[in-house]
Amino acid sequence: MPKTPDNVKLENINEHDKYIQLQMRRNVILQKLRDKGYRITKQRLILIDVILENDCSSCKEIFYKAVKLDSKIGVATVYRMINALEDMGVINRKNMYKLSEIDEKSCNDNIFIISLEDGSKKTLTFEQWSKVIRIGLSACGYVGRKKVLSVEIKKKHEKK
């Protein structure tokens, strides 16, 4: 399909939406770590970002990607972080280190902060955020009356 100004705008919106969803998942994970008493260190932030942004199949793969960003990250740090995330239910090893779905129960204690280009912010409860997703998808003709069970973020694979 040829790129028209409308297509470019739509691609930018989709990329922006993906970025917002990624940041929301990141914030939920960080809050879970804080709730369990973990400090949010630079190395933990790097590991979370590597896991969120990549389809990693092992701790070694996570380690190799993370060490490119911070050469001081040790393999033991990666294993400890993976174990902590798994204990909190954030990671599921059966899914090859992909982030588990964030269920409604774990989200009810969270707020979702939307930053707008004018610098203002909107704070939504999980129920309000779910309503925004449901109405938005329905208005675009994607879901009809079906209930949204989850939102998953994956990297788009490049075509060769």
C-alpha atoms as a PDB file:
ATOM      1  CA  MET A   1       0.000   0.000   0.000  1.00  0.00           C
ATOM      2  CA  PRO A   2       1.462   3.411  -0.926  1.00  0.00           C
ATOM      3  CA  LYS A   3       2.239   5.722   1.959  1.00  0.00           C
ATOM      4  CA  THR A   4      -0.183   8.595   2.127  1.00  0.00           C
ATOM      5  CA  PRO A   5      -0.233  11.292   4.810  1.00  0.00           C
ATOM      6  CA  ASP A   6      -3.147   9.446   6.461  1.00  0.00           C
ATOM      7  CA  ASN A   7      -1.218   6.149   6.516  1.00  0.00           C
ATOM      8  CA  VAL A   8       1.844   7.848   8.011  1.00  0.00           C
ATOM      9  CA  LYS A   9      -0.323   9.441  10.724  1.00  0.00           C
ATOM     10  CA  LEU A  10      -1.894   6.060  11.492  1.00  0.00           C
ATOM     11  CA  GLU A  11       1.534   4.392  11.725  1.00  0.00           C
ATOM     12  CA  ASN A  12       2.726   7.154  14.081  1.00  0.00           C
ATOM     13  CA  ILE A  13      -0.385   6.749  16.240  1.00  0.00           C
ATOM     14  CA  ASN A  14       0.090   2.972  16.376  1.00  0.00           C
ATOM     15  CA  GLU A  15       3.760   3.356  17.335  1.00  0.00           C
ATOM     16  CA  HIS A  16       2.794   5.921  19.973  1.00  0.00           C
ATOM     17  CA  ASP A  17       0.088   3.593  21.348  1.00  0.00           C
ATOM     18  CA  LYS A  18       2.600   0.735  21.503  1.00  0.00           C
ATOM     19  CA  TYR A  19       5.046   2.967  23.349  1.00  0.00           C
ATOM     20  CA  ILE A  20       2.358   4.011  25.865  1.00  0.00           C
ATOM     21  CA  GLN A  21       1.355   0.368  26.435  1.00  0.00           C
ATOM     22  CA  LEU A  22       4.991  -0.590  26.906  1.00  0.00           C
ATOM     23  CA  GLN A  23       5.470   2.186  29.462  1.00  0.00           C
ATOM     24  CA  MET A  24       2.313   1.148  31.305  1.00  0.00           C
ATOM     25  CA  ARG A  25       3.513  -2.448  31.578  1.00  0.00           C
ATOM     26  CA  ARG A  26       6.910  -1.196  32.720  1.00  0.00           C
ATOM     27  CA  ASN A  27       5.272   0.946  35.422  1.00  0.00           C
ATOM     28  CA  VAL A  28       3.158  -1.986  36.649  1.00  0.00           C
ATOM     29  CA  ILE A  29       6.288  -4.144  36.945  1.00  0.00           C
ATOM     30  CA  LEU A  30       8.206  -1.406  38.742  1.00  0.00           C
ATOM     31  CA  GLN A  31       5.357  -0.937  41.195  1.00  0.00           C
ATOM     32  CA  LYS A  32       5.224  -4.685  41.877  1.00  0.00           C
ATOM     33  CA  LEU A  33       8.973  -4.657  42.572  1.00  0.00           C
ATOM     34  CA  ARG A  34       8.576  -1.698  44.940  1.00  0.00           C
ATOM     35  CA  ASP A  35       5.666  -3.418  46.694  1.00  0.00           C
ATOM     36  CA  LYS A  36       7.918  -6.439  47.316  1.00  0.00           C
ATOM     37  CA  GLY A  37      10.639  -4.200  48.769  1.00  0.00           C
ATOM     38  CA  TYR A  38      13.038  -4.150  45.818  1.00  0.00           C
ATOM     39  CA  ARG A  39      15.055  -1.031  45.049  1.00  0.00           C
ATOM     40  CA  ILE A  40      14.729   0.147  41.479  1.00  0.00           C
ATOM     41  CA  THR A  41      18.332   0.158  40.302  1.00  0.00           C
ATOM     42  CA  LYS A  42      19.733   1.088  36.909  1.00  0.00           C
ATOM     43  CA  GLN A  43      20.536  -2.574  36.243  1.00  0.00           C
ATOM     44  CA  ARG A  44      16.999  -3.699  37.108  1.00  0.00           C
ATOM     45  CA  LEU A  45      15.589  -1.029  34.796  1.00  0.00           C
ATOM     46  CA  ILE A  46      17.835  -2.255  31.980  1.00  0.00           C
ATOM     47  CA  LEU A  47      16.786  -5.869  32.520  1.00  0.00           C
ATOM     48  CA  ILE A  48      13.082  -4.955  32.529  1.00  0.00           C
ATOM     49  CA  ASP A  49      13.517  -2.964  29.326  1.00  0.00           C
ATOM     50  CA  VAL A  50      15.408  -5.830  27.641  1.00  0.00           C
ATOM     51  CA  ILE A  51      12.638  -8.273  28.566  1.00  0.00           C
ATOM     52  CA  LEU A  52       9.867  -5.894  27.479  1.00  0.00           C
ATOM     53  CA  GLU A  53      11.448  -4.990  24.157  1.00  0.00           C
ATOM     54  CA  ASN A  54      12.758  -8.400  23.051  1.00  0.00           C
ATOM     55  CA  ASP A  55      11.536 -11.952  22.616  1.00  0.00           C
ATOM     56  CA  CYS A  56      14.199 -13.652  24.703  1.00  0.00           C
ATOM     57  CA  SER A  57      14.300 -17.422  24.987  1.00  0.00           C
ATOM     58  CA  SER A  58      16.762 -17.776  27.882  1.00  0.00           C
ATOM     59  CA  CYS A  59      18.503 -15.982  30.724  1.00  0.00           C
ATOM     60  CA  LYS A  60      21.700 -16.068  28.664  1.00  0.00           C
ATOM     61  CA  GLU A  61      20.029 -14.205  25.831  1.00  0.00           C
ATOM     62  CA  ILE A  62      18.705 -11.590  28.274  1.00  0.00           C
ATOM     63  CA  PHE A  63      22.201 -11.336  29.756  1.00  0.00           C
ATOM     64  CA  TYR A  64      23.884 -10.827  26.357  1.00  0.00           C
ATOM     65  CA  LYS A  65      21.446  -8.082  25.395  1.00  0.00           C
ATOM     66  CA  ALA A  66      21.701  -6.382  28.809  1.00  0.00           C
ATOM     67  CA  VAL A  67      25.508  -6.497  28.987  1.00  0.00           C
ATOM     68  CA  LYS A  68      25.633  -4.487  25.746  1.00  0.00           C
ATOM     69  CA  LEU A  69      23.817  -1.709  27.628  1.00  0.00           C
ATOM     70  CA  ASP A  70      25.740  -2.046  30.902  1.00  0.00           C
ATOM     71  CA  SER A  71      28.929  -4.099  30.964  1.00  0.00           C
ATOM     72  CA  LYS A  72      28.749  -4.372  34.786  1.00  0.00           C
ATOM     73  CA  ILE A  73      25.600  -6.517  34.768  1.00  0.00           C
ATOM     74  CA  GLY A  74      26.471 -10.033  35.885  1.00  0.00           C
ATOM     75  CA  VAL A  75      24.761 -13.255  34.913  1.00  0.00           C
ATOM     76  CA  ALA A  76      23.800 -13.826  38.562  1.00  0.00           C
ATOM     77  CA  THR A  77      21.982 -10.481  38.563  1.00  0.00           C
ATOM     78  CA  VAL A  78      19.969 -11.611  35.538  1.00  0.00           C
ATOM     79  CA  TYR A  79      19.049 -14.937  37.163  1.00  0.00           C
ATOM     80  CA  ARG A  80      18.034 -13.214  40.433  1.00  0.00           C
ATOM     81  CA  MET A  81      15.891 -10.715  38.539  1.00  0.00           C
ATOM     82  CA  ILE A  82      14.233 -13.440  36.443  1.00  0.00           C
ATOM     83  CA  ASN A  83      13.473 -15.435  39.594  1.00  0.00           C
ATOM     84  CA  ALA A  84      12.020 -12.362  41.330  1.00  0.00           C
ATOM     85  CA  LEU A  85       9.831 -11.530  38.320  1.00  0.00           C
ATOM     86  CA  GLU A  86       8.691 -15.137  38.085  1.00  0.00           C
ATOM     87  CA  ASP A  87       7.835 -15.233  41.807  1.00  0.00           C
ATOM     88  CA  MET A  88       5.705 -12.102  41.334  1.00  0.00           C
ATOM     89  CA  GLY A  89       3.919 -13.678  38.372  1.00  0.00           C
ATOM     90  CA  VAL A  90       5.283 -11.145  35.892  1.00  0.00           C
ATOM     91  CA  ILE A  91       7.272 -13.691  33.868  1.00  0.00           C
ATOM     92  CA  ASN A  92       6.185 -17.129  32.816  1.00  0.00           C
ATOM     93  CA  ARG A  93       9.065 -19.439  31.872  1.00  0.00           C
ATOM     94  CA  LYS A  94       6.667 -21.630  29.908  1.00  0.00           C
ATOM     95  CA  ASN A  95       6.245 -18.659  27.575  1.00  0.00           C
ATOM     96  CA  MET A  96      10.000 -18.386  27.019  1.00  0.00           C
ATOM     97  CA  TYR A  97      10.555 -15.405  29.331  1.00  0.00           C
ATOM     98  CA  LYS A  98       7.763 -13.335  27.867  1.00  0.00           C
ATOM     99  CA  LEU A  99       5.811 -11.198  30.248  1.00  0.00           C
ATOM    100  CA  SER A 100       2.672 -12.822  31.607  1.00  0.00           C
ATOM    101  CA  GLU A 101      -0.684 -11.237  31.051  1.00  0.00           C
ATOM    102  CA  ILE A 102      -1.453  -8.651  33.690  1.00  0.00           C
ATOM    103  CA  ASP A 103      -4.774  -9.668  35.138  1.00  0.00           C
ATOM    104  CA  GLU A 104      -7.526  -7.388  36.362  1.00  0.00           C
ATOM    105  CA  LYS A 105      -6.924  -8.223  40.037  1.00  0.00           C
ATOM    106  CA  SER A 106      -3.311  -7.059  39.887  1.00  0.00           C
ATOM    107  CA  CYS A 107      -4.291  -3.893  38.005  1.00  0.00           C
ATOM    108  CA  ASN A 108      -7.053  -2.739  40.372  1.00  0.00           C
ATOM    109  CA  ASP A 109      -4.438  -1.292  42.727  1.00  0.00           C
ATOM    110  CA  ASN A 110      -2.796   0.688  39.921  1.00  0.00           C
ATOM    111  CA  ILE A 111      -3.549   3.940  38.186  1.00  0.00           C
ATOM    112  CA  PHE A 112      -2.839   4.701  34.556  1.00  0.00           C
ATOM    113  CA  ILE A 113      -1.375   8.130  33.823  1.00  0.00           C
ATOM    114  CA  ILE A 114      -1.801   9.488  30.313  1.00  0.00           C
ATOM    115  CA  SER A 115       0.548  12.349  29.359  1.00  0.00           C
ATOM    116  CA  LEU A 116      -0.727  14.703  26.675  1.00  0.00           C
ATOM    117  CA  GLU A 117       1.316  16.855  24.314  1.00  0.00           C
ATOM    118  CA  ASP A 118       0.279  20.068  26.111  1.00  0.00           C
ATOM    119  CA  GLY A 119       1.960  18.783  29.288  1.00  0.00           C
ATOM    120  CA  SER A 120      -1.291  17.879  31.043  1.00  0.00           C
ATOM    121  CA  LYS A 121      -1.880  14.436  32.495  1.00  0.00           C
ATOM    122  CA  LYS A 122      -4.990  12.333  32.931  1.00  0.00           C
ATOM    123  CA  THR A 123      -5.174   9.720  35.671  1.00  0.00           C
ATOM    124  CA  LEU A 124      -7.393   6.689  35.115  1.00  0.00           C
ATOM    125  CA  THR A 125      -8.340   3.733  37.278  1.00  0.00           C
ATOM    126  CA  PHE A 126      -8.083   0.251  35.773  1.00  0.00           C
ATOM    127  CA  GLU A 127     -11.838   0.279  35.185  1.00  0.00           C
ATOM    128  CA  GLN A 128     -11.635   3.618  33.354  1.00  0.00           C
ATOM    129  CA  TRP A 129      -8.636   2.455  31.287  1.00  0.00           C
ATOM    130  CA  SER A 130     -10.474  -0.753  30.342  1.00  0.00           C
ATOM    131  CA  LYS A 131     -13.455   1.334  29.237  1.00  0.00           C
ATOM    132  CA  VAL A 132     -11.220   3.534  27.060  1.00  0.00           C
ATOM    133  CA  ILE A 133      -9.710   0.457  25.394  1.00  0.00           C
ATOM    134  CA  ARG A 134     -13.102  -1.210  24.889  1.00  0.00           C
ATOM    135  CA  ILE A 135     -14.810   1.890  23.476  1.00  0.00           C
ATOM    136  CA  GLY A 136     -11.836   2.792  21.286  1.00  0.00           C
ATOM    137  CA  LEU A 137     -11.588  -0.683  19.773  1.00  0.00           C
ATOM    138  CA  SER A 138     -15.343  -0.831  19.296  1.00  0.00           C
ATOM    139  CA  ALA A 139     -15.463   2.619  17.650  1.00  0.00           C
ATOM    140  CA  CYS A 140     -12.801   1.494  15.181  1.00  0.00           C
ATOM    141  CA  GLY A 141     -14.786  -1.643  14.396  1.00  0.00           C
ATOM    142  CA  TYR A 142     -12.257  -4.090  15.829  1.00  0.00           C
ATOM    143  CA  VAL A 143     -14.215  -5.880  18.557  1.00  0.00           C
ATOM    144  CA  GLY A 144     -17.950  -5.266  18.264  1.00  0.00           C
ATOM    145  CA  ARG A 145     -19.503  -6.394  21.542  1.00  0.00           C
ATOM    146  CA  LYS A 146     -16.745  -8.838  22.470  1.00  0.00           C
ATOM    147  CA  LYS A 147     -15.001  -8.417  25.805  1.00  0.00           C
ATOM    148  CA  VAL A 148     -11.271  -7.571  25.675  1.00  0.00           C
ATOM    149  CA  LEU A 149      -9.423 -10.241  27.661  1.00  0.00           C
ATOM    150  CA  SER A 150      -5.893  -8.918  27.382  1.00  0.00           C
ATOM    151  CA  VAL A 151      -3.598  -6.533  25.577  1.00  0.00           C
ATOM    152  CA  GLU A 152      -0.261  -7.928  24.395  1.00  0.00           C
ATOM    153  CA  ILE A 153       2.676  -5.983  23.022  1.00  0.00           C
ATOM    154  CA  LYS A 154       5.003  -7.644  20.523  1.00  0.00           C
ATOM    155  CA  LYS A 155       7.697  -6.319  18.230  1.00  0.00           C
ATOM    156  CA  LYS A 156       6.681  -6.210  14.612  1.00  0.00           C
ATOM    157  CA  HIS A 157       8.886  -8.545  12.578  1.00  0.00           C
ATOM    158  CA  GLU A 158      10.501  -7.024   9.529  1.00  0.00           C
ATOM    159  CA  LYS A 159       9.634  -8.553   6.180  1.00  0.00           C
ATOM    160  CA  LYS A 160      12.577  -9.764   4.138  1.00  0.00           C
END
